[in-house]
């Protein structure tokens, strides 16, 4: 029984897996942080672009329409 515990304490087979799980979690966390940081600015910019595209202020700006 003591040999089992000694061998178990020296076994490092799962250590690399734990490292990869921690590294992957860190990368995912950084990605979520980056997206949440720029989300508001991108949404606001998209709204401004949509307003500009849909407005009538494009008349005379070289944009022609066919009816």
C-alpha atoms as a PDB file:
ATOM      1  CA  UNK A   1       0.000   0.000   0.000  1.00  0.00           C
ATOM      2  CA  UNK A   2       2.883   2.395   0.740  1.00  0.00           C
ATOM      3  CA  UNK A   3       4.370   1.695  -2.681  1.00  0.00           C
ATOM      4  CA  UNK A   4       1.096   2.763  -4.264  1.00  0.00           C
ATOM      5  CA  UNK A   5       1.194   6.144  -2.495  1.00  0.00           C
ATOM      6  CA  UNK A   6       4.879   6.670  -3.321  1.00  0.00           C
ATOM      7  CA  UNK A   7       4.287   5.926  -6.994  1.00  0.00           C
ATOM      8  CA  UNK A   8       1.185   8.088  -7.020  1.00  0.00           C
ATOM      9  CA  UNK A   9       3.045  11.069  -5.561  1.00  0.00           C
ATOM     10  CA  UNK A  10       5.829  10.745  -8.157  1.00  0.00           C
ATOM     11  CA  UNK A  11       3.502  10.332 -11.139  1.00  0.00           C
ATOM     12  CA  UNK A  12       3.459  13.464 -13.352  1.00  0.00           C
ATOM     13  CA  UNK A  13       1.369  12.248 -16.280  1.00  0.00           C
ATOM     14  CA  UNK A  14      -1.449  14.761 -15.775  1.00  0.00           C
ATOM     15  CA  UNK A  15       0.750  17.810 -15.101  1.00  0.00           C
ATOM     16  CA  UNK A  16       1.025  18.802 -18.769  1.00  0.00           C
ATOM     17  CA  UNK A  17      -2.730  18.559 -19.201  1.00  0.00           C
ATOM     18  CA  UNK A  18      -3.274  20.918 -16.280  1.00  0.00           C
ATOM     19  CA  UNK A  19      -0.811  23.387 -17.799  1.00  0.00           C
ATOM     20  CA  UNK A  20      -2.662  23.378 -21.119  1.00  0.00           C
ATOM     21  CA  UNK A  21      -6.032  23.817 -19.426  1.00  0.00           C
ATOM     22  CA  UNK A  22      -4.752  26.828 -17.488  1.00  0.00           C
ATOM     23  CA  UNK A  23      -3.137  28.316 -20.601  1.00  0.00           C
ATOM     24  CA  UNK A  24      -6.301  27.822 -22.659  1.00  0.00           C
ATOM     25  CA  UNK A  25      -8.430  29.393 -19.931  1.00  0.00           C
ATOM     26  CA  UNK A  26      -6.110  32.411 -19.864  1.00  0.00           C
ATOM     27  CA  UNK A  27      -6.346  32.860 -23.648  1.00  0.00           C
ATOM     28  CA  UNK A  28     -10.141  32.593 -23.557  1.00  0.00           C
ATOM     29  CA  UNK A  29     -10.283  35.065 -20.672  1.00  0.00           C
ATOM     30  CA  UNK A  30      -8.146  37.568 -22.565  1.00  0.00           C
ATOM     31  CA  UNK A  31     -10.355  37.178 -25.624  1.00  0.00           C
ATOM     32  CA  UNK A  32     -13.508  37.829 -23.620  1.00  0.00           C
ATOM     33  CA  UNK A  33     -11.885  40.861 -22.000  1.00  0.00           C
ATOM     34  CA  UNK A  34     -10.854  42.259 -25.386  1.00  0.00           C
ATOM     35  CA  UNK A  35     -14.310  41.787 -26.889  1.00  0.00           C
ATOM     36  CA  UNK A  36     -16.062  43.374 -23.928  1.00  0.00           C
ATOM     37  CA  UNK A  37     -13.653  46.321 -24.078  1.00  0.00           C
ATOM     38  CA  UNK A  38     -14.305  47.209 -27.721  1.00  0.00           C
ATOM     39  CA  UNK A  39     -17.941  46.100 -27.935  1.00  0.00           C
ATOM     40  CA  UNK A  40     -19.467  49.485 -27.057  1.00  0.00           C
ATOM     41  CA  UNK A  41     -17.305  51.462 -29.478  1.00  0.00           C
ATOM     42  CA  UNK A  42     -17.948  49.118 -32.368  1.00  0.00           C
ATOM     43  CA  UNK A  43     -21.682  49.135 -31.718  1.00  0.00           C
ATOM     44  CA  UNK A  44     -21.761  52.940 -31.627  1.00  0.00           C
ATOM     45  CA  UNK A  45     -19.725  53.175 -34.814  1.00  0.00           C
ATOM     46  CA  UNK A  46     -22.033  50.712 -36.549  1.00  0.00           C
ATOM     47  CA  UNK A  47     -25.038  52.818 -35.569  1.00  0.00           C
ATOM     48  CA  UNK A  48     -23.385  55.965 -36.959  1.00  0.00           C
ATOM     49  CA  UNK A  49     -22.571  54.220 -40.228  1.00  0.00           C
ATOM     50  CA  UNK A  50     -26.123  52.892 -40.556  1.00  0.00           C
ATOM     51  CA  UNK A  51     -27.534  56.360 -39.928  1.00  0.00           C
ATOM     52  CA  UNK A  52     -25.228  57.848 -42.542  1.00  0.00           C
ATOM     53  CA  UNK A  53     -26.050  55.224 -45.135  1.00  0.00           C
ATOM     54  CA  UNK A  54     -29.789  55.506 -44.583  1.00  0.00           C
ATOM     55  CA  UNK A  55     -29.949  59.312 -44.457  1.00  0.00           C
ATOM     56  CA  UNK A  56     -30.780  61.632 -47.312  1.00  0.00           C
ATOM     57  CA  UNK A  57     -27.552  63.559 -46.837  1.00  0.00           C
ATOM     58  CA  UNK A  58     -25.946  61.389 -49.514  1.00  0.00           C
ATOM     59  CA  UNK A  59     -27.608  63.425 -52.276  1.00  0.00           C
ATOM     60  CA  UNK A  60     -24.947  65.157 -54.301  1.00  0.00           C
ATOM     61  CA  UNK A  61     -22.175  63.004 -52.904  1.00  0.00           C
ATOM     62  CA  UNK A  62     -21.738  61.105 -56.155  1.00  0.00           C
ATOM     63  CA  UNK A  63     -24.280  58.455 -55.186  1.00  0.00           C
ATOM     64  CA  UNK A  64     -26.874  57.839 -57.840  1.00  0.00           C
ATOM     65  CA  UNK A  65     -30.096  55.945 -57.525  1.00  0.00           C
ATOM     66  CA  UNK A  66     -32.316  54.474 -60.199  1.00  0.00           C
ATOM     67  CA  UNK A  67     -36.025  54.424 -59.770  1.00  0.00           C
END
